[in-house]
């Protein structure tokens, strides 16, 4: 298994990103409500991100209400297609989300957090295949969760809490060291993890509240 082999060596008590609260607190997404289904099975019909950016890059200042809503739909489509449910291309927006943005008033009634978590797990299962070398999905959720649970992996200088918790790392830009040495270093750090280096900081802690 490429890439994630070392992650699979973490025992089950360490690696449990399966609580709805993880997505709710890390990304601020709703985990209650109607489920997102069906459309995730469609494999074709995607639009290039560049078309979205060129067509809906900036809403006109004198836009009427219907035009604003159209630009809002395009923006939400880009968020869904490139952030929460991204594929490995990183530059395509799937039309599967059109039924959900048709009625903007109903967007908040869906359990987007549960769907994002399910999509991340699906992508992680795929990347465990020996022929797959890239990981897709809401990787900001995975990264923020790792920084939250494993203090040793956190970058220095990001101690201020913000909401959602993942926004705490929005300015984080890892060093530009070569890929090979960086991957080897992280694998070694994972291999050397000890029980005492894992924490389960409750979301009800005073700092988070």
N, C-alpha and C. Protein backbone atom coordinates (compact mmCIF):
# COMPACT_ATOMS: atom_id res chain seq x y z
N UNK A 1 0.84 -1.20 0.00
CA UNK A 1 0.00 0.00 0.00
C UNK A 1 0.87 1.24 0.00
N UNK A 2 0.69 2.15 -0.93
CA UNK A 2 1.52 3.34 -0.98
C UNK A 2 0.99 4.42 -0.06
N UNK A 3 1.89 5.26 0.38
CA UNK A 3 1.46 6.48 1.07
C UNK A 3 0.90 6.28 2.45
N UNK A 4 -0.26 5.61 2.55
CA UNK A 4 -0.96 5.49 3.81
C UNK A 4 -0.62 4.22 4.57
N UNK A 5 0.40 3.49 4.12
CA UNK A 5 0.75 2.25 4.80
C UNK A 5 1.06 2.49 6.26
N UNK A 6 1.80 3.56 6.54
CA UNK A 6 2.19 3.82 7.92
C UNK A 6 0.99 4.24 8.78
N UNK A 7 0.00 4.88 8.16
CA UNK A 7 -1.18 5.23 8.93
C UNK A 7 -1.94 3.99 9.36
N UNK A 8 -1.93 2.96 8.53
CA UNK A 8 -2.66 1.74 8.89
C UNK A 8 -2.01 1.03 10.06
N UNK A 9 -0.80 1.40 10.40
CA UNK A 9 -0.11 0.75 11.50
C UNK A 9 -0.51 1.35 12.85
N UNK A 10 -1.17 2.48 12.82
CA UNK A 10 -1.68 3.02 14.07
C UNK A 10 -2.82 2.14 14.56
N UNK A 11 -2.82 1.85 15.84
CA UNK A 11 -3.86 0.95 16.31
C UNK A 11 -5.22 1.64 16.34
N UNK A 12 -6.26 0.83 16.51
CA UNK A 12 -7.63 1.34 16.41
C UNK A 12 -7.95 2.37 17.49
N UNK A 13 -7.32 2.25 18.63
CA UNK A 13 -7.60 3.20 19.71
C UNK A 13 -7.06 4.59 19.35
N UNK A 14 -6.01 4.62 18.57
CA UNK A 14 -5.45 5.91 18.16
C UNK A 14 -6.26 6.52 17.02
N UNK A 15 -6.53 5.72 16.00
CA UNK A 15 -7.07 6.28 14.76
C UNK A 15 -8.56 6.02 14.66
N UNK A 16 -9.36 6.93 15.23
CA UNK A 16 -10.81 6.80 15.17
C UNK A 16 -11.43 8.15 14.80
N UNK A 17 -11.43 8.42 13.49
CA UNK A 17 -12.09 9.63 13.00
C UNK A 17 -13.48 9.20 12.54
N UNK A 18 -14.34 8.88 13.48
CA UNK A 18 -15.64 8.37 13.09
C UNK A 18 -16.78 9.00 13.87
N UNK A 19 -16.52 10.04 14.60
CA UNK A 19 -17.57 10.69 15.35
C UNK A 19 -18.11 11.88 14.57
N UNK A 20 -19.43 12.03 14.63
CA UNK A 20 -20.02 13.18 13.95
C UNK A 20 -19.48 14.48 14.51
N UNK A 21 -19.15 14.50 15.80
CA UNK A 21 -18.63 15.73 16.41
C UNK A 21 -17.33 16.16 15.77
N UNK A 22 -16.52 15.20 15.29
CA UNK A 22 -15.26 15.57 14.65
C UNK A 22 -15.51 16.50 13.48
N UNK A 23 -16.48 16.16 12.63
CA UNK A 23 -16.76 17.00 11.47
C UNK A 23 -17.45 18.28 11.88
N UNK A 24 -18.34 18.21 12.84
CA UNK A 24 -19.08 19.39 13.28
C UNK A 24 -18.13 20.44 13.86
N UNK A 25 -17.19 20.02 14.69
CA UNK A 25 -16.29 20.97 15.32
C UNK A 25 -15.12 21.35 14.42
N UNK A 26 -14.60 20.41 13.66
CA UNK A 26 -13.44 20.73 12.83
C UNK A 26 -13.83 21.59 11.62
N UNK A 27 -14.95 21.28 10.97
CA UNK A 27 -15.34 22.01 9.76
C UNK A 27 -16.58 22.87 9.94
N UNK A 28 -17.27 22.72 11.08
CA UNK A 28 -18.47 23.52 11.30
C UNK A 28 -19.64 23.11 10.45
N UNK A 29 -19.69 21.86 10.01
CA UNK A 29 -20.77 21.39 9.15
C UNK A 29 -21.87 20.72 9.96
N UNK A 30 -23.11 20.83 9.51
CA UNK A 30 -24.21 20.16 10.23
C UNK A 30 -24.11 18.65 10.09
N UNK A 31 -24.38 17.94 11.16
CA UNK A 31 -24.35 16.48 11.14
C UNK A 31 -25.73 15.89 11.38
N UNK A 32 -26.72 16.74 11.54
CA UNK A 32 -28.10 16.31 11.68
C UNK A 32 -28.88 16.76 10.45
N UNK A 33 -29.96 16.08 10.17
CA UNK A 33 -30.79 16.48 9.05
C UNK A 33 -30.89 15.40 8.00
N UNK A 34 -31.32 15.78 6.82
CA UNK A 34 -31.52 14.83 5.74
C UNK A 34 -30.18 14.33 5.20
N UNK A 35 -30.16 13.09 4.78
CA UNK A 35 -28.90 12.52 4.30
C UNK A 35 -28.68 12.85 2.83
N UNK A 36 -27.41 12.94 2.46
CA UNK A 36 -27.01 13.18 1.08
C UNK A 36 -26.78 11.83 0.44
N UNK A 37 -27.52 11.50 -0.59
CA UNK A 37 -27.43 10.15 -1.15
C UNK A 37 -27.64 10.18 -2.66
N UNK A 38 -27.40 9.02 -3.26
CA UNK A 38 -27.71 8.84 -4.67
C UNK A 38 -26.71 9.49 -5.59
N UNK A 39 -26.55 10.81 -5.48
CA UNK A 39 -25.74 11.54 -6.45
C UNK A 39 -24.27 11.18 -6.34
N UNK A 40 -23.82 10.64 -5.20
CA UNK A 40 -22.41 10.31 -5.05
C UNK A 40 -22.01 9.13 -5.93
N UNK A 41 -22.97 8.42 -6.51
CA UNK A 41 -22.65 7.26 -7.33
C UNK A 41 -22.43 7.63 -8.79
N UNK A 42 -22.78 8.84 -9.19
CA UNK A 42 -22.63 9.26 -10.58
C UNK A 42 -21.15 9.52 -10.87
N UNK A 43 -20.65 8.98 -11.98
CA UNK A 43 -19.22 9.09 -12.28
C UNK A 43 -18.90 10.07 -13.40
N UNK A 44 -19.88 10.45 -14.21
CA UNK A 44 -19.59 11.28 -15.37
C UNK A 44 -20.14 12.70 -15.18
N UNK A 45 -19.93 13.51 -16.21
CA UNK A 45 -20.51 14.85 -16.30
C UNK A 45 -19.94 15.81 -15.25
N UNK A 46 -18.73 16.23 -15.49
CA UNK A 46 -18.08 17.23 -14.64
C UNK A 46 -17.69 18.42 -15.49
N UNK A 47 -17.65 19.61 -14.86
CA UNK A 47 -17.30 20.86 -15.53
C UNK A 47 -15.96 21.34 -14.98
N UNK A 48 -15.11 21.84 -15.85
CA UNK A 48 -13.81 22.31 -15.42
C UNK A 48 -13.94 23.52 -14.51
N UNK A 49 -13.09 23.57 -13.49
CA UNK A 49 -13.14 24.68 -12.53
C UNK A 49 -12.89 26.02 -13.20
N UNK A 50 -12.04 26.02 -14.22
CA UNK A 50 -11.71 27.29 -14.89
C UNK A 50 -12.95 27.93 -15.48
N UNK A 51 -13.90 27.11 -15.98
CA UNK A 51 -15.13 27.67 -16.52
C UNK A 51 -15.94 28.35 -15.41
N UNK A 52 -16.04 27.71 -14.26
CA UNK A 52 -16.75 28.31 -13.13
C UNK A 52 -16.10 29.63 -12.73
N UNK A 53 -14.79 29.64 -12.66
CA UNK A 53 -14.08 30.85 -12.23
C UNK A 53 -14.22 31.98 -13.23
N UNK A 54 -14.17 31.64 -14.52
CA UNK A 54 -14.31 32.66 -15.56
C UNK A 54 -15.74 33.19 -15.62
N UNK A 55 -16.71 32.31 -15.42
CA UNK A 55 -18.12 32.70 -15.57
C UNK A 55 -18.68 33.34 -14.31
N UNK A 56 -18.25 32.84 -13.15
CA UNK A 56 -18.81 33.32 -11.88
C UNK A 56 -17.73 33.85 -10.94
N UNK A 57 -16.66 34.36 -11.50
CA UNK A 57 -15.55 34.83 -10.67
C UNK A 57 -15.89 36.02 -9.80
N UNK A 58 -16.72 36.93 -10.30
CA UNK A 58 -17.06 38.13 -9.53
C UNK A 58 -18.49 38.56 -9.86
N UNK A 59 -19.29 38.65 -8.84
CA UNK A 59 -20.68 39.03 -9.04
C UNK A 59 -20.77 40.53 -9.33
N UNK A 60 -21.51 40.94 -10.35
CA UNK A 60 -21.65 42.36 -10.67
C UNK A 60 -22.22 43.15 -9.50
N UNK A 61 -21.75 44.37 -9.32
CA UNK A 61 -22.21 45.21 -8.21
C UNK A 61 -23.69 45.54 -8.32
N UNK A 62 -24.19 45.67 -9.54
CA UNK A 62 -25.59 46.04 -9.73
C UNK A 62 -26.48 44.83 -10.00
N UNK A 63 -26.03 43.66 -9.58
CA UNK A 63 -26.77 42.43 -9.85
C UNK A 63 -28.10 42.41 -9.10
N UNK A 64 -29.14 41.90 -9.76
CA UNK A 64 -30.42 41.75 -9.09
C UNK A 64 -30.41 40.50 -8.21
N UNK A 65 -31.49 40.27 -7.50
CA UNK A 65 -31.53 39.17 -6.54
C UNK A 65 -31.34 37.82 -7.22
N UNK A 66 -31.94 37.63 -8.37
CA UNK A 66 -31.83 36.34 -9.05
C UNK A 66 -30.39 36.09 -9.51
N UNK A 67 -29.72 37.13 -9.97
CA UNK A 67 -28.32 36.99 -10.38
C UNK A 67 -27.44 36.63 -9.19
N UNK A 68 -27.68 37.27 -8.05
CA UNK A 68 -26.91 36.97 -6.84
C UNK A 68 -27.11 35.51 -6.44
N UNK A 69 -28.32 35.05 -6.54
CA UNK A 69 -28.60 33.65 -6.19
C UNK A 69 -27.89 32.70 -7.15
N UNK A 70 -27.82 33.08 -8.41
CA UNK A 70 -27.13 32.24 -9.39
C UNK A 70 -25.63 32.15 -9.07
N UNK A 71 -25.04 33.27 -8.71
CA UNK A 71 -23.63 33.28 -8.34
C UNK A 71 -23.40 32.52 -7.03
N UNK A 72 -24.36 32.61 -6.12
CA UNK A 72 -24.25 31.87 -4.87
C UNK A 72 -24.28 30.37 -5.13
N UNK A 73 -25.14 29.93 -6.04
CA UNK A 73 -25.21 28.51 -6.39
C UNK A 73 -23.87 28.03 -6.97
N UNK A 74 -23.30 28.85 -7.85
CA UNK A 74 -22.02 28.48 -8.46
C UNK A 74 -20.92 28.39 -7.40
N UNK A 75 -20.92 29.33 -6.46
CA UNK A 75 -19.91 29.33 -5.40
C UNK A 75 -20.04 28.08 -4.52
N UNK A 76 -21.28 27.73 -4.18
CA UNK A 76 -21.50 26.54 -3.36
C UNK A 76 -21.11 25.29 -4.13
N UNK A 77 -21.39 25.27 -5.43
CA UNK A 77 -20.98 24.13 -6.25
C UNK A 77 -19.47 23.95 -6.21
N UNK A 78 -18.74 25.08 -6.28
CA UNK A 78 -17.27 25.00 -6.25
C UNK A 78 -16.78 24.52 -4.88
N UNK A 79 -17.43 24.96 -3.81
CA UNK A 79 -17.04 24.49 -2.47
C UNK A 79 -17.26 22.99 -2.34
N UNK A 80 -18.41 22.52 -2.80
CA UNK A 80 -18.71 21.10 -2.71
C UNK A 80 -17.77 20.27 -3.57
N UNK A 81 -17.50 20.76 -4.78
CA UNK A 81 -16.70 19.97 -5.73
C UNK A 81 -15.22 20.01 -5.50
N UNK A 82 -14.71 21.06 -4.85
CA UNK A 82 -13.26 21.19 -4.68
C UNK A 82 -12.80 21.07 -3.23
N UNK A 83 -13.71 21.19 -2.27
CA UNK A 83 -13.32 21.15 -0.87
C UNK A 83 -13.85 19.91 -0.16
N UNK A 84 -15.16 19.73 -0.15
CA UNK A 84 -15.74 18.63 0.62
C UNK A 84 -15.72 17.30 -0.14
N UNK A 85 -15.97 17.34 -1.44
CA UNK A 85 -16.09 16.10 -2.21
C UNK A 85 -15.19 16.14 -3.44
N UNK A 86 -13.98 16.55 -3.24
CA UNK A 86 -13.04 16.69 -4.35
C UNK A 86 -12.58 15.33 -4.86
N UNK A 87 -12.32 15.26 -6.17
CA UNK A 87 -11.71 14.07 -6.72
C UNK A 87 -10.21 14.33 -6.87
N UNK A 88 -9.50 13.38 -7.44
CA UNK A 88 -8.05 13.50 -7.51
C UNK A 88 -7.59 14.51 -8.55
N UNK A 89 -8.46 14.88 -9.48
CA UNK A 89 -8.06 15.86 -10.49
C UNK A 89 -7.86 17.23 -9.88
N UNK A 90 -8.74 17.57 -8.90
CA UNK A 90 -8.63 18.87 -8.25
C UNK A 90 -9.07 20.04 -9.10
N UNK A 91 -9.59 19.79 -10.29
CA UNK A 91 -9.98 20.90 -11.17
C UNK A 91 -11.32 20.68 -11.86
N UNK A 92 -12.18 19.83 -11.27
CA UNK A 92 -13.47 19.56 -11.88
C UNK A 92 -14.60 19.72 -10.86
N UNK A 93 -15.72 20.24 -11.35
CA UNK A 93 -16.92 20.39 -10.53
C UNK A 93 -17.99 19.47 -11.11
N UNK A 94 -18.46 18.54 -10.32
CA UNK A 94 -19.44 17.58 -10.82
C UNK A 94 -20.85 18.17 -10.76
N UNK A 95 -21.65 17.85 -11.78
CA UNK A 95 -23.01 18.37 -11.83
C UNK A 95 -23.94 17.63 -10.89
N UNK A 96 -23.42 16.63 -10.17
CA UNK A 96 -24.27 15.89 -9.22
C UNK A 96 -24.84 16.78 -8.14
N UNK A 97 -24.22 17.96 -7.93
CA UNK A 97 -24.66 18.84 -6.85
C UNK A 97 -25.76 19.81 -7.28
N UNK A 98 -26.11 19.81 -8.55
CA UNK A 98 -27.14 20.72 -9.04
C UNK A 98 -28.47 20.58 -8.30
N UNK A 99 -28.95 19.36 -8.04
CA UNK A 99 -30.24 19.25 -7.32
C UNK A 99 -30.21 19.87 -5.93
N UNK A 100 -29.03 19.92 -5.31
CA UNK A 100 -28.94 20.44 -3.95
C UNK A 100 -28.87 21.97 -3.90
N UNK A 101 -28.32 22.58 -4.94
CA UNK A 101 -28.22 24.04 -4.95
C UNK A 101 -29.43 24.69 -5.61
N UNK A 102 -30.33 23.88 -6.17
CA UNK A 102 -31.52 24.45 -6.80
C UNK A 102 -32.35 25.22 -5.80
N UNK A 103 -32.49 24.67 -4.60
CA UNK A 103 -33.25 25.33 -3.53
C UNK A 103 -32.27 25.72 -2.42
N UNK A 104 -31.79 26.94 -2.49
CA UNK A 104 -30.80 27.40 -1.52
C UNK A 104 -31.31 27.35 -0.09
N UNK A 105 -32.62 27.56 0.08
CA UNK A 105 -33.18 27.58 1.42
C UNK A 105 -33.11 26.22 2.11
N UNK A 106 -32.95 25.16 1.34
CA UNK A 106 -32.94 23.81 1.91
C UNK A 106 -31.53 23.25 2.12
N UNK A 107 -30.51 23.99 1.70
CA UNK A 107 -29.15 23.48 1.81
C UNK A 107 -28.77 23.15 3.25
N UNK A 108 -29.21 23.97 4.17
CA UNK A 108 -28.86 23.76 5.57
C UNK A 108 -29.59 22.64 6.24
N UNK A 109 -30.51 22.00 5.53
CA UNK A 109 -31.28 20.91 6.13
C UNK A 109 -30.62 19.55 5.91
N UNK A 110 -29.49 19.52 5.21
CA UNK A 110 -28.81 18.26 4.92
C UNK A 110 -27.64 18.03 5.88
N UNK A 111 -27.33 16.77 6.09
CA UNK A 111 -26.22 16.39 6.97
C UNK A 111 -24.93 16.35 6.15
N UNK A 112 -24.41 17.53 5.83
CA UNK A 112 -23.20 17.61 5.01
C UNK A 112 -21.98 17.05 5.73
N UNK A 113 -21.95 17.18 7.05
CA UNK A 113 -20.83 16.65 7.79
C UNK A 113 -20.71 15.14 7.68
N UNK A 114 -21.83 14.45 7.81
CA UNK A 114 -21.82 12.99 7.68
C UNK A 114 -21.41 12.57 6.28
N UNK A 115 -21.90 13.29 5.27
CA UNK A 115 -21.56 12.95 3.89
C UNK A 115 -20.07 13.18 3.63
N UNK A 116 -19.51 14.27 4.15
CA UNK A 116 -18.08 14.55 3.97
C UNK A 116 -17.23 13.48 4.63
N UNK A 117 -17.63 13.04 5.83
CA UNK A 117 -16.88 12.00 6.52
C UNK A 117 -16.95 10.68 5.75
N UNK A 118 -18.12 10.35 5.23
CA UNK A 118 -18.27 9.13 4.44
C UNK A 118 -17.41 9.20 3.17
N UNK A 119 -17.37 10.36 2.54
CA UNK A 119 -16.56 10.53 1.33
C UNK A 119 -15.07 10.39 1.65
N UNK A 120 -14.63 10.93 2.78
CA UNK A 120 -13.23 10.82 3.17
C UNK A 120 -12.85 9.36 3.38
N UNK A 121 -13.70 8.61 4.06
CA UNK A 121 -13.42 7.20 4.28
C UNK A 121 -13.38 6.42 2.97
N UNK A 122 -14.27 6.77 2.07
CA UNK A 122 -14.29 6.10 0.77
C UNK A 122 -12.98 6.36 0.02
N UNK A 123 -12.52 7.60 0.06
CA UNK A 123 -11.27 7.95 -0.61
C UNK A 123 -10.08 7.27 0.05
N UNK A 124 -10.10 7.15 1.38
CA UNK A 124 -9.01 6.49 2.07
C UNK A 124 -8.98 5.00 1.77
N UNK A 125 -10.14 4.40 1.59
CA UNK A 125 -10.19 2.98 1.20
C UNK A 125 -9.61 2.80 -0.20
N UNK A 126 -9.91 3.72 -1.09
CA UNK A 126 -9.40 3.61 -2.46
C UNK A 126 -7.89 3.76 -2.51
N UNK A 127 -7.34 4.69 -1.74
CA UNK A 127 -5.91 4.95 -1.80
C UNK A 127 -5.11 3.82 -1.17
N UNK A 128 -5.79 2.94 -0.43
CA UNK A 128 -5.10 1.78 0.13
C UNK A 128 -4.77 0.74 -0.95
N UNK A 129 -5.36 0.90 -2.13
CA UNK A 129 -5.06 0.02 -3.25
C UNK A 129 -3.64 0.28 -3.75
N UNK A 130 -2.91 -0.76 -4.05
CA UNK A 130 -1.51 -0.61 -4.44
C UNK A 130 -1.33 0.20 -5.73
N UNK A 131 -2.37 0.29 -6.56
CA UNK A 131 -2.25 1.00 -7.83
C UNK A 131 -2.69 2.47 -7.73
N UNK A 132 -3.13 2.90 -6.56
CA UNK A 132 -3.60 4.27 -6.37
C UNK A 132 -2.54 5.05 -5.58
N UNK A 133 -2.18 6.23 -6.07
CA UNK A 133 -1.09 6.98 -5.46
C UNK A 133 -1.52 8.33 -4.92
N UNK A 134 -2.76 8.76 -5.16
CA UNK A 134 -3.21 10.07 -4.70
C UNK A 134 -4.45 9.92 -3.83
N UNK A 135 -4.53 10.77 -2.82
CA UNK A 135 -5.68 10.76 -1.91
C UNK A 135 -6.55 11.97 -2.18
N UNK A 136 -7.85 11.75 -2.36
CA UNK A 136 -8.81 12.83 -2.58
C UNK A 136 -9.68 12.98 -1.34
N UNK A 137 -10.69 13.84 -1.43
CA UNK A 137 -11.61 14.03 -0.32
C UNK A 137 -11.31 15.28 0.49
N UNK A 138 -12.05 15.49 1.59
CA UNK A 138 -11.85 16.67 2.44
C UNK A 138 -10.60 16.51 3.31
N UNK A 139 -9.45 16.71 2.70
CA UNK A 139 -8.19 16.47 3.40
C UNK A 139 -7.93 17.48 4.50
N UNK A 140 -8.58 18.65 4.42
CA UNK A 140 -8.44 19.61 5.51
C UNK A 140 -9.04 19.06 6.80
N UNK A 141 -10.07 18.22 6.68
CA UNK A 141 -10.64 17.56 7.85
C UNK A 141 -9.65 16.58 8.45
N UNK A 142 -9.03 15.77 7.62
CA UNK A 142 -8.05 14.79 8.09
C UNK A 142 -6.85 15.48 8.72
N UNK A 143 -6.35 16.53 8.08
CA UNK A 143 -5.18 17.24 8.61
C UNK A 143 -5.50 17.91 9.94
N UNK A 144 -6.64 18.57 10.03
CA UNK A 144 -7.01 19.25 11.27
C UNK A 144 -7.22 18.25 12.39
N UNK A 145 -7.82 17.11 12.07
CA UNK A 145 -8.03 16.07 13.08
C UNK A 145 -6.70 15.54 13.60
N UNK A 146 -5.74 15.34 12.70
CA UNK A 146 -4.41 14.86 13.11
C UNK A 146 -3.73 15.88 14.01
N UNK A 147 -3.77 17.15 13.64
CA UNK A 147 -3.17 18.18 14.48
C UNK A 147 -3.85 18.26 15.85
N UNK A 148 -5.16 17.97 15.87
CA UNK A 148 -5.92 18.06 17.12
C UNK A 148 -5.57 16.91 18.06
N UNK A 149 -5.44 15.70 17.51
CA UNK A 149 -5.23 14.51 18.33
C UNK A 149 -3.76 14.22 18.61
N UNK A 150 -2.87 14.69 17.74
CA UNK A 150 -1.45 14.38 17.90
C UNK A 150 -0.67 15.69 18.04
N UNK A 151 -0.51 16.20 19.26
CA UNK A 151 0.18 17.48 19.47
C UNK A 151 1.59 17.51 18.89
N UNK A 152 2.23 16.37 18.85
CA UNK A 152 3.60 16.32 18.34
C UNK A 152 3.67 16.70 16.87
N UNK A 153 2.59 16.53 16.14
CA UNK A 153 2.57 16.83 14.71
C UNK A 153 2.15 18.26 14.40
N UNK A 154 1.72 19.00 15.40
CA UNK A 154 1.22 20.35 15.15
C UNK A 154 2.35 21.30 14.76
N UNK A 155 2.10 22.20 13.81
CA UNK A 155 3.09 23.23 13.51
C UNK A 155 3.10 24.28 14.62
N UNK A 156 4.25 24.87 14.86
CA UNK A 156 4.37 25.87 15.92
C UNK A 156 3.75 27.20 15.47
N UNK A 157 3.22 27.94 16.44
CA UNK A 157 2.71 29.27 16.16
C UNK A 157 1.23 29.34 15.86
N UNK A 158 0.49 28.25 16.09
CA UNK A 158 -0.94 28.25 15.81
C UNK A 158 -1.68 27.81 17.07
N UNK A 159 -1.63 28.65 18.09
CA UNK A 159 -2.20 28.29 19.37
C UNK A 159 -3.57 28.92 19.63
N UNK A 160 -3.97 29.88 18.83
CA UNK A 160 -5.23 30.57 19.04
C UNK A 160 -6.38 29.77 18.45
N UNK A 161 -7.40 29.49 19.27
CA UNK A 161 -8.56 28.75 18.78
C UNK A 161 -9.44 29.67 17.93
N UNK A 162 -10.03 29.10 16.90
CA UNK A 162 -10.98 29.82 16.06
C UNK A 162 -12.06 28.83 15.64
N UNK A 163 -13.13 29.36 15.09
CA UNK A 163 -14.25 28.50 14.69
C UNK A 163 -14.52 28.62 13.20
N UNK A 164 -14.68 27.48 12.50
CA UNK A 164 -14.49 26.12 13.01
C UNK A 164 -13.02 25.83 13.30
N UNK A 165 -12.76 24.75 13.99
CA UNK A 165 -11.41 24.49 14.47
C UNK A 165 -10.39 24.36 13.34
N UNK A 166 -10.81 23.87 12.19
CA UNK A 166 -9.89 23.70 11.06
C UNK A 166 -9.37 25.04 10.56
N UNK A 167 -10.13 26.12 10.77
CA UNK A 167 -9.67 27.43 10.30
C UNK A 167 -8.43 27.89 11.05
N UNK A 168 -8.16 27.25 12.17
CA UNK A 168 -6.95 27.57 12.94
C UNK A 168 -5.69 27.38 12.11
N UNK A 169 -5.75 26.46 11.14
CA UNK A 169 -4.57 26.13 10.34
C UNK A 169 -4.63 26.74 8.95
N UNK A 170 -5.53 27.69 8.73
CA UNK A 170 -5.72 28.22 7.38
C UNK A 170 -4.47 28.88 6.83
N UNK A 171 -3.65 29.45 7.71
CA UNK A 171 -2.43 30.10 7.24
C UNK A 171 -1.22 29.21 7.24
N UNK A 172 -1.41 27.92 7.55
CA UNK A 172 -0.28 26.99 7.63
C UNK A 172 0.23 26.65 6.24
N UNK A 173 1.50 26.83 6.02
CA UNK A 173 2.13 26.54 4.74
C UNK A 173 3.39 25.73 5.01
N UNK A 174 3.34 24.40 4.79
CA UNK A 174 4.50 23.57 5.11
C UNK A 174 5.72 23.95 4.30
N UNK A 175 6.86 23.62 4.83
CA UNK A 175 8.12 23.96 4.16
C UNK A 175 8.21 23.26 2.81
N UNK A 176 8.98 23.84 1.95
CA UNK A 176 9.11 23.32 0.59
C UNK A 176 10.23 22.32 0.44
N UNK A 177 10.48 21.50 1.45
CA UNK A 177 11.54 20.51 1.35
C UNK A 177 11.16 19.45 0.32
N UNK A 178 12.14 18.69 -0.12
CA UNK A 178 11.90 17.70 -1.15
C UNK A 178 10.91 16.64 -0.66
N UNK A 179 10.13 16.12 -1.61
CA UNK A 179 9.06 15.18 -1.27
C UNK A 179 9.60 13.93 -0.59
N UNK A 180 10.65 13.33 -1.15
CA UNK A 180 11.17 12.09 -0.61
C UNK A 180 11.59 12.19 0.85
N UNK A 181 12.50 13.13 1.20
CA UNK A 181 12.91 13.26 2.61
C UNK A 181 11.76 13.61 3.54
N UNK A 182 10.81 14.43 3.09
CA UNK A 182 9.69 14.82 3.95
C UNK A 182 8.80 13.62 4.26
N UNK A 183 8.51 12.80 3.25
CA UNK A 183 7.68 11.61 3.46
C UNK A 183 8.39 10.64 4.40
N UNK A 184 9.68 10.44 4.20
CA UNK A 184 10.43 9.52 5.05
C UNK A 184 10.45 10.02 6.49
N UNK A 185 10.56 11.33 6.68
CA UNK A 185 10.58 11.89 8.03
C UNK A 185 9.27 11.64 8.75
N UNK A 186 8.13 11.87 8.04
CA UNK A 186 6.82 11.67 8.67
C UNK A 186 6.56 10.20 8.96
N UNK A 187 6.99 9.32 8.09
CA UNK A 187 6.83 7.90 8.36
C UNK A 187 7.60 7.49 9.62
N UNK A 188 8.80 8.04 9.76
CA UNK A 188 9.60 7.73 10.94
C UNK A 188 8.93 8.25 12.20
N UNK A 189 8.36 9.45 12.15
CA UNK A 189 7.69 10.03 13.31
C UNK A 189 6.46 9.21 13.70
N UNK A 190 5.74 8.70 12.71
CA UNK A 190 4.57 7.85 13.00
C UNK A 190 5.02 6.55 13.64
N UNK A 191 6.11 5.97 13.13
CA UNK A 191 6.61 4.72 13.69
C UNK A 191 7.04 4.87 15.14
N UNK A 192 7.47 6.06 15.51
CA UNK A 192 7.99 6.30 16.86
C UNK A 192 6.93 6.80 17.84
N UNK A 193 5.67 6.88 17.40
CA UNK A 193 4.61 7.37 18.28
C UNK A 193 4.45 6.47 19.49
N UNK A 194 4.24 7.08 20.64
CA UNK A 194 3.99 6.35 21.88
C UNK A 194 2.59 6.67 22.38
N UNK A 195 2.09 5.83 23.29
CA UNK A 195 0.75 6.03 23.83
C UNK A 195 0.57 7.41 24.44
N UNK A 196 1.58 7.86 25.15
CA UNK A 196 1.46 9.14 25.86
C UNK A 196 1.41 10.33 24.92
N UNK A 197 1.75 10.14 23.64
CA UNK A 197 1.76 11.24 22.68
C UNK A 197 0.42 11.44 22.01
N UNK A 198 -0.54 10.61 22.33
CA UNK A 198 -1.89 10.76 21.79
C UNK A 198 -2.80 11.35 22.87
N UNK A 199 -3.59 12.33 22.52
CA UNK A 199 -4.51 12.92 23.48
C UNK A 199 -5.92 12.85 22.92
N UNK A 200 -6.89 12.88 23.81
CA UNK A 200 -8.30 12.92 23.41
C UNK A 200 -8.90 14.15 24.05
N UNK A 201 -8.60 15.29 23.49
CA UNK A 201 -9.06 16.55 24.06
C UNK A 201 -10.54 16.73 23.79
N UNK A 202 -11.38 16.82 24.79
CA UNK A 202 -12.82 16.94 24.57
C UNK A 202 -13.19 18.27 23.93
N UNK A 203 -14.20 18.24 23.09
CA UNK A 203 -14.65 19.47 22.46
C UNK A 203 -15.37 20.38 23.44
N UNK A 204 -15.67 19.86 24.62
CA UNK A 204 -16.33 20.65 25.65
C UNK A 204 -15.34 21.36 26.56
N UNK A 205 -14.04 21.30 26.21
CA UNK A 205 -13.04 21.95 27.05
C UNK A 205 -13.24 23.47 27.03
N UNK A 206 -12.82 24.16 28.08
CA UNK A 206 -13.02 25.62 28.15
C UNK A 206 -12.40 26.36 26.97
N UNK A 207 -11.23 25.90 26.49
CA UNK A 207 -10.58 26.58 25.38
C UNK A 207 -11.45 26.57 24.12
N UNK A 208 -12.06 25.41 23.85
CA UNK A 208 -12.90 25.29 22.66
C UNK A 208 -14.18 26.10 22.82
N UNK A 209 -14.79 26.00 23.99
CA UNK A 209 -16.02 26.74 24.22
C UNK A 209 -15.79 28.24 24.16
